[in-house]
């Protein structure tokens, strides 16, 4: 039997953390019942399903491998006629991680994503520049934007039909007001704008915010993007398996949507599980019926705190470290991407450094930065000294010509995208038969 949900919690429905816990406790028995509908959890419950917080906390964690081992239908808890969409995560290395959602599940997904302090409204034109395909990210932003009445431009970022030159044209000509992409995408747009003779902070007057997620965003990188475009950069955190899990408040902190999910922190070194501290994020969505996940370990490295925030949301704060928390050894020291990126984007803006790469070798860190010739010597010297001061490792910083790491033709080119066909003229290239290019 389906439990009818008449209303999901909204920001402002609870006054403090105690009231937040009461909201979780009220919703938990329902999702535990839902979970019993899947073969995986029915077997795990062994005829004795929990119905309280105490029983829930005795359950073992659900792993990504559990999802893969139970592909395709072992995690599904509703009949196929109730499933609205099916998705798979992008990071499975050839091993499918399935996700099912009902129409009702999508109401929760869209509401969580739409919790932006820079609001989404019917007057907005929203460019979605993340994958559609099997991942949830593009569909999620589109559903949220349409639920608020906004005009959606489905830009995708895995399609040859949407090169950077076309992204730039759409941003400019359609008066796009909001965008959704990885943070690094916005740097590529800025470079494409400059290549086209446009100024990111002046020639896109309708743009009012950049929504970003999916790749590391250091404080210095965020500041550089904000400076380039002259609008707020609003961060989002989530996954295909769960949808949006956290959003940024007006004070720049990421808050976990703990009215819609229960969050725990797992220490893989000790096996301890608590509600805060450093470790791996464990998630139990409370409004997910098609494929309930109980104590699902996302394996993302995080730091969770319940310290009050000036925004007044009464929600835990999360610092997502993810893969950026891990580093490579150089001369006996650990170098992390997050800190290295902070140093790169800590260079003065007038040095015009947007793109970089680094290789951690056993005895030396090799860094390349794209930088114009007139700024090359000071930029390289400054970054060299900053890396030595931060990590204490031997480092070689080399400035390369702009266009070396991100070729200009990538920013300005237009792809010849054709439909498949079988009949060609005598002077045409029939190697393109049947294939999309």
Protein backbone atom coordinates (compact mmCIF):
# COMPACT_ATOMS: atom_id res chain seq x y z
CA UNK A 1 0.00 0.00 0.00
CA UNK A 2 1.26 3.48 -0.87
CA UNK A 3 1.61 6.01 1.93
CA UNK A 4 0.08 9.29 0.77
CA UNK A 5 2.30 12.34 1.31
CA UNK A 6 0.20 15.47 1.48
CA UNK A 7 3.07 17.85 2.20
CA UNK A 8 6.84 17.69 2.53
CA UNK A 9 8.72 19.92 5.02
CA UNK A 10 9.61 23.40 3.83
CA UNK A 11 12.32 25.76 5.08
CA UNK A 12 10.97 27.53 8.15
CA UNK A 13 8.76 24.65 9.33
CA UNK A 14 11.06 23.96 12.30
CA UNK A 15 12.59 26.38 14.78
CA UNK A 16 15.58 24.42 16.07
CA UNK A 17 17.51 21.16 15.79
CA UNK A 18 15.21 19.38 18.24
CA UNK A 19 12.20 20.13 16.05
CA UNK A 20 14.22 19.00 13.02
CA UNK A 21 14.86 15.62 14.68
CA UNK A 22 11.11 15.30 15.33
CA UNK A 23 10.43 15.80 11.62
CA UNK A 24 12.90 13.03 10.82
CA UNK A 25 11.40 10.66 13.39
CA UNK A 26 7.92 11.22 12.00
CA UNK A 27 8.99 10.37 8.45
CA UNK A 28 11.35 7.48 9.22
CA UNK A 29 8.77 4.66 9.82
CA UNK A 30 7.21 5.29 6.41
CA UNK A 31 10.50 4.96 4.49
CA UNK A 32 11.33 1.83 6.49
CA UNK A 33 8.02 0.33 5.31
CA UNK A 34 8.80 1.35 1.75
CA UNK A 35 12.23 -0.25 1.93
CA UNK A 36 10.67 -3.61 2.82
CA UNK A 37 9.20 -3.67 -0.68
CA UNK A 38 12.60 -4.19 -2.30
CA UNK A 39 14.16 -7.66 -2.51
CA UNK A 40 17.42 -6.33 -1.06
CA UNK A 41 15.97 -4.82 2.12
CA UNK A 42 13.36 -7.57 2.55
CA UNK A 43 16.24 -10.02 2.73
CA UNK A 44 18.24 -7.73 5.04
CA UNK A 45 15.27 -7.34 7.41
CA UNK A 46 14.87 -11.14 7.59
CA UNK A 47 11.20 -10.85 8.50
CA UNK A 48 11.78 -8.32 11.27
CA UNK A 49 11.69 -4.83 9.72
CA UNK A 50 12.62 -1.95 12.04
CA UNK A 51 10.09 0.80 12.68
CA UNK A 52 11.95 3.07 15.13
CA UNK A 53 15.09 5.20 15.12
CA UNK A 54 16.81 2.70 17.43
CA UNK A 55 16.05 -0.19 15.09
CA UNK A 56 17.12 1.86 12.10
CA UNK A 57 20.48 2.67 13.70
CA UNK A 58 21.21 -1.04 14.13
CA UNK A 59 21.00 -1.63 10.39
CA UNK A 60 24.29 -2.14 8.52
CA UNK A 61 25.31 0.50 6.01
CA UNK A 62 24.21 0.16 2.40
CA UNK A 63 27.19 0.41 0.03
CA UNK A 64 27.62 1.38 -3.59
CA UNK A 65 28.62 -2.23 -4.19
CA UNK A 66 25.25 -3.34 -2.82
CA UNK A 67 23.56 -1.29 -5.54
CA UNK A 68 25.82 -2.75 -8.21
CA UNK A 69 25.38 -6.31 -6.95
CA UNK A 70 21.59 -5.90 -7.06
CA UNK A 71 21.43 -4.40 -10.55
CA UNK A 72 18.98 -4.07 -12.18
CA UNK A 73 15.87 -4.59 -10.01
CA UNK A 74 17.01 -5.83 -6.60
CA UNK A 75 16.81 -2.36 -5.00
CA UNK A 76 13.48 -1.37 -6.60
CA UNK A 77 10.58 -1.25 -4.15
CA UNK A 78 7.61 -0.44 -6.44
CA UNK A 79 6.15 -2.16 -9.52
CA UNK A 80 7.40 -0.96 -12.89
CA UNK A 81 4.15 0.85 -13.69
CA UNK A 82 4.89 3.28 -10.86
CA UNK A 83 8.44 4.08 -11.98
CA UNK A 84 8.79 7.44 -13.74
CA UNK A 85 12.53 7.47 -14.57
CA UNK A 86 15.62 5.29 -14.38
CA UNK A 87 19.16 6.65 -13.96
CA UNK A 88 22.74 5.49 -13.44
CA UNK A 89 25.63 7.27 -11.79
CA UNK A 90 28.51 8.57 -13.92
CA UNK A 91 31.31 7.19 -11.76
CA UNK A 92 30.75 3.45 -11.84
CA UNK A 93 33.74 2.37 -13.96
CA UNK A 94 31.58 0.09 -16.07
CA UNK A 95 29.54 -1.23 -13.13
CA UNK A 96 25.97 0.14 -13.23
CA UNK A 97 24.66 1.86 -10.10
CA UNK A 98 20.88 1.89 -10.66
CA UNK A 99 18.44 4.55 -9.45
CA UNK A 100 14.65 4.51 -9.82
CA UNK A 101 12.25 7.39 -9.11
CA UNK A 102 8.45 7.71 -9.09
CA UNK A 103 6.58 10.88 -10.06
CA UNK A 104 6.10 11.55 -6.35
CA UNK A 105 9.82 11.09 -5.71
CA UNK A 106 10.46 13.72 -8.38
CA UNK A 107 8.37 16.29 -6.48
CA UNK A 108 10.80 15.92 -3.58
CA UNK A 109 13.85 16.02 -5.88
CA UNK A 110 12.70 19.21 -7.62
CA UNK A 111 11.81 20.98 -4.38
CA UNK A 112 15.19 20.25 -2.82
CA UNK A 113 17.12 21.49 -5.85
CA UNK A 114 15.00 24.65 -6.08
CA UNK A 115 16.05 25.72 -2.56
CA UNK A 116 18.40 28.38 -3.86
CA UNK A 117 18.90 31.63 -1.97
CA UNK A 118 19.02 33.17 -5.43
CA UNK A 119 15.46 32.18 -6.27
CA UNK A 120 14.22 30.61 -9.50
CA UNK A 121 11.12 32.22 -10.99
CA UNK A 122 8.97 32.33 -14.12
CA UNK A 123 10.92 35.34 -15.38
CA UNK A 124 14.17 33.33 -15.54
CA UNK A 125 15.80 31.72 -18.56
CA UNK A 126 17.78 28.79 -17.17
CA UNK A 127 20.65 27.18 -19.10
CA UNK A 128 21.19 23.57 -18.00
CA UNK A 129 24.77 22.68 -18.92
CA UNK A 130 25.16 19.31 -17.17
CA UNK A 131 24.60 15.81 -18.58
CA UNK A 132 21.14 14.49 -19.32
CA UNK A 133 21.75 10.92 -20.56
CA UNK A 134 21.44 8.42 -17.65
CA UNK A 135 22.61 10.74 -14.88
CA UNK A 136 20.05 12.70 -12.89
CA UNK A 137 21.78 16.09 -12.88
CA UNK A 138 20.36 17.69 -16.04
CA UNK A 139 16.87 16.30 -15.51
CA UNK A 140 16.94 17.47 -11.90
CA UNK A 141 17.70 21.08 -12.77
CA UNK A 142 15.14 21.07 -15.57
CA UNK A 143 12.41 19.66 -13.32
CA UNK A 144 13.17 22.20 -10.59
CA UNK A 145 13.26 25.14 -13.00
CA UNK A 146 10.03 24.13 -14.72
CA UNK A 147 8.32 23.66 -11.35
CA UNK A 148 9.02 27.36 -10.73
CA UNK A 149 7.84 28.37 -14.22
CA UNK A 150 11.29 29.19 -15.65
CA UNK A 151 12.22 28.81 -19.31
CA UNK A 152 14.73 25.96 -19.66
CA UNK A 153 17.50 25.80 -22.26
CA UNK A 154 18.65 22.12 -22.27
CA UNK A 155 22.30 22.73 -23.09
CA UNK A 156 23.82 19.39 -21.97
CA UNK A 157 27.61 19.12 -21.79
CA UNK A 158 28.13 15.74 -23.42
CA UNK A 159 26.72 16.59 -26.85
CA UNK A 160 28.64 17.62 -29.96
CA UNK A 161 25.59 19.72 -30.84
CA UNK A 162 26.43 22.13 -28.00
CA UNK A 163 30.04 23.38 -28.45
CA UNK A 164 31.28 26.31 -26.39
CA UNK A 165 30.64 28.73 -29.23
CA UNK A 166 26.96 27.78 -29.11
CA UNK A 167 26.84 27.98 -25.32
CA UNK A 168 28.19 31.52 -25.58
CA UNK A 169 25.62 32.48 -28.22
CA UNK A 170 22.76 31.09 -26.13
CA UNK A 171 24.00 32.85 -22.98
CA UNK A 172 24.18 36.15 -24.81
CA UNK A 173 21.29 36.09 -27.30
CA UNK A 174 18.64 34.43 -25.11
CA UNK A 175 19.36 36.70 -22.14
CA UNK A 176 20.08 33.74 -19.88
CA UNK A 177 19.65 34.68 -16.22
CA UNK A 178 20.65 31.45 -14.42
CA UNK A 179 22.94 28.55 -15.30
CA UNK A 180 23.69 25.08 -13.92
CA UNK A 181 27.08 23.52 -14.63
CA UNK A 182 30.33 22.33 -13.14
CA UNK A 183 32.37 25.20 -11.75
CA UNK A 184 35.15 24.66 -14.29
CA UNK A 185 32.62 25.11 -17.12
CA UNK A 186 32.15 28.75 -16.15
CA UNK A 187 35.89 29.36 -16.60
CA UNK A 188 35.67 27.84 -20.08
CA UNK A 189 32.72 30.11 -20.91
CA UNK A 190 34.73 33.13 -19.76
CA UNK A 191 37.64 32.10 -21.99
CA UNK A 192 35.25 31.52 -24.91
CA UNK A 193 33.72 34.97 -24.34
CA UNK A 194 37.13 36.64 -24.39
CA UNK A 195 38.05 34.71 -27.56
CA UNK A 196 34.89 36.13 -29.14
CA UNK A 197 35.74 39.66 -28.06
CA UNK A 198 33.16 39.76 -25.26
CA UNK A 199 33.57 40.72 -21.61
CA UNK A 200 32.04 38.17 -19.21
CA UNK A 201 31.27 40.77 -16.53
CA UNK A 202 29.81 43.39 -18.89
CA UNK A 203 28.33 41.85 -22.04
CA UNK A 204 25.91 39.44 -20.32
CA UNK A 205 23.83 41.94 -18.32
CA UNK A 206 20.87 39.60 -17.76
CA UNK A 207 22.92 36.92 -15.99
CA UNK A 208 22.29 37.03 -12.23
CA UNK A 209 23.76 33.80 -10.79
CA UNK A 210 25.79 30.72 -11.65
CA UNK A 211 24.63 27.47 -10.01
CA UNK A 212 27.51 24.98 -9.83
CA UNK A 213 28.25 21.49 -8.60
CA UNK A 214 29.98 18.27 -9.53
CA UNK A 215 33.65 19.31 -9.34
CA UNK A 216 35.92 20.84 -6.68
CA UNK A 217 35.25 24.47 -5.79
CA UNK A 218 37.88 26.06 -3.59
CA UNK A 219 37.31 29.47 -2.03
CA UNK A 220 39.84 31.07 -4.38
CA UNK A 221 38.27 29.45 -7.44
CA UNK A 222 34.82 30.67 -6.39
CA UNK A 223 36.19 34.19 -5.91
CA UNK A 224 37.82 34.15 -9.35
CA UNK A 225 34.60 32.99 -11.06
CA UNK A 226 32.60 35.66 -9.22
CA UNK A 227 35.11 38.30 -10.28
CA UNK A 228 35.04 37.14 -13.91
CA UNK A 229 31.26 37.15 -14.27
CA UNK A 230 30.23 39.70 -11.65
CA UNK A 231 27.45 37.48 -10.24
CA UNK A 232 27.10 35.10 -7.27
CA UNK A 233 28.36 31.53 -7.57
CA UNK A 234 25.84 29.27 -5.77
CA UNK A 235 27.05 25.78 -4.90
CA UNK A 236 24.98 22.58 -4.88
CA UNK A 237 25.89 19.10 -3.63
CA UNK A 238 24.19 15.81 -4.40
CA UNK A 239 24.33 12.57 -6.37
CA UNK A 240 22.39 10.60 -8.95
CA UNK A 241 21.45 8.07 -6.27
CA UNK A 242 19.97 10.71 -3.94
CA UNK A 243 19.36 13.99 -5.77
CA UNK A 244 20.24 17.26 -4.06
CA UNK A 245 21.66 16.81 -0.56
CA UNK A 246 22.89 20.28 0.32
CA UNK A 247 22.61 23.85 -0.86
CA UNK A 248 24.36 27.10 -0.17
CA UNK A 249 22.82 29.71 2.11
CA UNK A 250 23.20 33.49 1.63
CA UNK A 251 26.23 33.39 3.96
CA UNK A 252 28.10 31.00 1.68
CA UNK A 253 27.83 27.81 3.75
CA UNK A 254 26.54 24.47 2.46
CA UNK A 255 23.61 23.14 4.51
CA UNK A 256 22.44 19.52 4.44
CA UNK A 257 18.71 19.15 3.72
CA UNK A 258 18.19 17.27 6.98
CA UNK A 259 14.41 17.75 6.91
CA UNK A 260 14.33 15.53 3.80
CA UNK A 261 17.06 13.01 4.73
CA UNK A 262 18.88 11.64 7.76
CA UNK A 263 22.63 12.23 7.60
CA UNK A 264 25.36 10.38 9.48
CA UNK A 265 29.16 10.44 9.35
CA UNK A 266 31.08 7.18 9.12
CA UNK A 267 34.73 6.85 10.09
CA UNK A 268 36.14 4.02 7.94
CA UNK A 269 39.23 3.78 10.14
CA UNK A 270 37.31 3.00 13.33
CA UNK A 271 33.86 1.98 12.12
CA UNK A 272 32.30 4.64 14.34
CA UNK A 273 29.15 6.40 13.11
CA UNK A 274 27.97 9.74 14.48
CA UNK A 275 25.94 12.74 13.44
CA UNK A 276 28.89 15.09 12.93
CA UNK A 277 32.65 15.29 12.52
CA UNK A 278 34.90 14.13 9.69
CA UNK A 279 34.38 10.96 7.67
CA UNK A 280 32.22 9.56 4.90
CA UNK A 281 28.68 10.85 4.39
CA UNK A 282 25.88 8.34 5.04
CA UNK A 283 22.43 9.28 3.72
CA UNK A 284 18.87 8.03 4.23
CA UNK A 285 16.42 9.92 1.97
CA UNK A 286 13.07 10.17 3.74
CA UNK A 287 10.84 10.77 0.70
CA UNK A 288 12.20 8.18 -1.75
CA UNK A 289 9.68 5.42 -2.52
CA UNK A 290 10.80 3.81 -5.80
CA UNK A 291 14.21 2.85 -4.39
CA UNK A 292 14.59 3.61 -0.68
CA UNK A 293 18.16 3.79 0.54
CA UNK A 294 18.79 3.14 4.23
CA UNK A 295 22.10 4.33 5.66
CA UNK A 296 23.61 4.64 2.19
CA UNK A 297 27.34 5.35 2.28
CA UNK A 298 28.13 7.83 -0.49
CA UNK A 299 31.84 7.40 0.29
CA UNK A 300 32.35 11.16 -0.08
CA UNK A 301 34.76 12.63 2.45
CA UNK A 302 33.01 15.38 4.43
CA UNK A 303 33.06 17.42 7.60
CA UNK A 304 29.64 17.95 9.22
CA UNK A 305 28.92 20.50 11.94
CA UNK A 306 25.80 21.57 13.84
CA UNK A 307 27.16 24.98 14.79
CA UNK A 308 24.59 27.78 14.29
CA UNK A 309 24.71 29.75 11.04
CA UNK A 310 23.71 33.39 10.62
CA UNK A 311 21.18 32.35 7.94
CA UNK A 312 18.97 30.84 10.67
CA UNK A 313 18.08 27.70 8.71
CA UNK A 314 18.69 25.33 11.69
CA UNK A 315 20.33 22.76 9.44
CA UNK A 316 23.72 21.04 9.70
CA UNK A 317 26.62 22.56 7.77
CA UNK A 318 28.72 20.35 5.52
CA UNK A 319 32.14 20.85 4.00
CA UNK A 320 32.45 18.46 1.08
CA UNK A 321 35.99 17.29 0.53
CA UNK A 322 35.22 14.44 -1.87
CA UNK A 323 38.12 13.30 -3.98
CA UNK A 324 39.88 16.59 -3.31
CA UNK A 325 40.50 15.34 0.23
CA UNK A 326 42.88 12.75 -1.16
CA UNK A 327 46.30 13.61 -2.48
CA UNK A 328 49.50 12.31 -3.97
CA UNK A 329 52.83 11.89 -2.26
CA UNK A 330 55.70 14.12 -3.37
CA UNK A 331 59.01 13.92 -1.50
CA UNK A 332 57.26 12.46 1.53
CA UNK A 333 54.54 15.15 1.67
CA UNK A 334 50.90 14.93 0.58
CA UNK A 335 49.74 17.36 -2.11
CA UNK A 336 45.96 17.78 -2.48
CA UNK A 337 44.07 19.23 -5.41
CA UNK A 338 41.95 21.47 -3.20
CA UNK A 339 44.89 23.31 -1.65
CA UNK A 340 46.85 23.43 -4.89
CA UNK A 341 43.85 24.92 -6.68
CA UNK A 342 43.55 27.56 -3.99
CA UNK A 343 47.15 28.57 -4.65
CA UNK A 344 46.65 28.74 -8.42
CA UNK A 345 43.54 30.92 -8.15
CA UNK A 346 45.21 32.92 -5.43
CA UNK A 347 47.41 34.44 -8.13
CA UNK A 348 46.46 38.04 -8.94
CA UNK A 349 43.61 38.25 -11.47
CA UNK A 350 45.74 40.45 -13.73
CA UNK A 351 47.99 37.44 -14.40
CA UNK A 352 45.00 35.98 -16.35
CA UNK A 353 45.55 32.39 -15.18
CA UNK A 354 42.41 30.26 -15.63
CA UNK A 355 43.70 26.81 -16.59
CA UNK A 356 46.31 24.61 -14.97
CA UNK A 357 47.43 21.03 -14.50
CA UNK A 358 49.92 19.27 -12.25
CA UNK A 359 51.73 15.96 -12.05
CA UNK A 360 52.83 14.59 -8.69
CA UNK A 361 56.07 12.69 -9.27
CA UNK A 362 57.93 10.88 -6.47
CA UNK A 363 60.46 13.67 -5.94
CA UNK A 364 58.99 16.77 -7.62
CA UNK A 365 55.62 18.43 -8.30
CA UNK A 366 55.37 19.66 -11.89
CA UNK A 367 52.79 22.40 -12.53
CA UNK A 368 51.79 24.03 -15.78
CA UNK A 369 49.69 27.19 -16.01
CA UNK A 370 48.36 28.98 -19.07
CA UNK A 371 49.57 32.56 -18.79
CA UNK A 372 50.25 35.35 -21.32
CA UNK A 373 53.96 36.06 -21.95
CA UNK A 374 53.93 39.45 -20.20
CA UNK A 375 52.77 37.84 -16.93
CA UNK A 376 54.64 34.55 -17.19
CA UNK A 377 57.71 35.23 -15.06
CA UNK A 378 55.95 36.85 -12.05
CA UNK A 379 53.08 34.33 -12.10
CA UNK A 380 55.41 31.33 -12.15
CA UNK A 381 57.65 32.76 -9.46
CA UNK A 382 54.76 33.62 -7.19
CA UNK A 383 53.11 30.20 -7.58
CA UNK A 384 56.43 28.45 -7.03
CA UNK A 385 56.98 30.24 -3.73
CA UNK A 386 53.38 29.63 -2.63
CA UNK A 387 53.63 25.86 -3.30
CA UNK A 388 56.92 25.58 -1.43
CA UNK A 389 55.48 27.51 1.52
CA UNK A 390 52.29 25.43 1.57
CA UNK A 391 53.59 21.89 0.94
CA UNK A 392 57.35 22.09 1.45
CA UNK A 393 58.06 20.02 -1.68
CA UNK A 394 60.32 20.56 -4.70
CA UNK A 395 58.23 22.14 -7.44
CA UNK A 396 58.70 23.13 -11.06
CA UNK A 397 56.20 25.72 -12.34
CA UNK A 398 56.10 26.27 -16.09
CA UNK A 399 54.04 28.91 -17.84
CA UNK A 400 52.65 27.83 -21.20
CA UNK A 401 51.02 29.80 -23.99
CA UNK A 402 47.25 30.31 -23.69
CA UNK A 403 45.62 27.66 -25.84
CA UNK A 404 48.05 24.94 -24.80
CA UNK A 405 45.86 23.28 -22.16
CA UNK A 406 42.52 24.40 -23.62
CA UNK A 407 42.95 24.83 -27.39
CA UNK A 408 41.31 27.92 -28.89
CA UNK A 409 39.43 25.80 -31.40
CA UNK A 410 37.66 24.06 -28.49
CA UNK A 411 36.37 27.45 -27.36
CA UNK A 412 35.47 28.84 -30.79
CA UNK A 413 34.85 25.82 -33.05
CA UNK A 414 31.52 24.68 -34.46
CA UNK A 415 31.04 20.94 -34.97
CA UNK A 416 29.50 19.49 -38.12
CA UNK A 417 26.70 17.46 -36.55
CA UNK A 418 24.88 15.40 -39.15
CA UNK A 419 22.15 12.78 -39.08
CA UNK A 420 22.97 9.26 -40.28
CA UNK A 421 22.21 8.44 -43.89
CA UNK A 422 23.05 5.77 -46.43
CA UNK A 423 23.09 7.47 -49.85
CA UNK A 424 25.96 9.79 -50.81
CA UNK A 425 26.96 11.68 -53.93
CA UNK A 426 30.13 10.91 -55.86
CA UNK A 427 32.07 13.77 -54.22
CA UNK A 428 30.82 13.21 -50.66
CA UNK A 429 32.52 11.40 -47.76
CA UNK A 430 30.60 8.18 -47.32
CA UNK A 431 32.66 7.19 -44.27
CA UNK A 432 30.02 9.17 -42.37
CA UNK A 433 27.34 6.67 -43.33
CA UNK A 434 25.05 5.57 -40.50
CA UNK A 435 27.01 7.42 -37.81
CA UNK A 436 26.43 10.64 -35.89
CA UNK A 437 29.34 13.08 -35.81
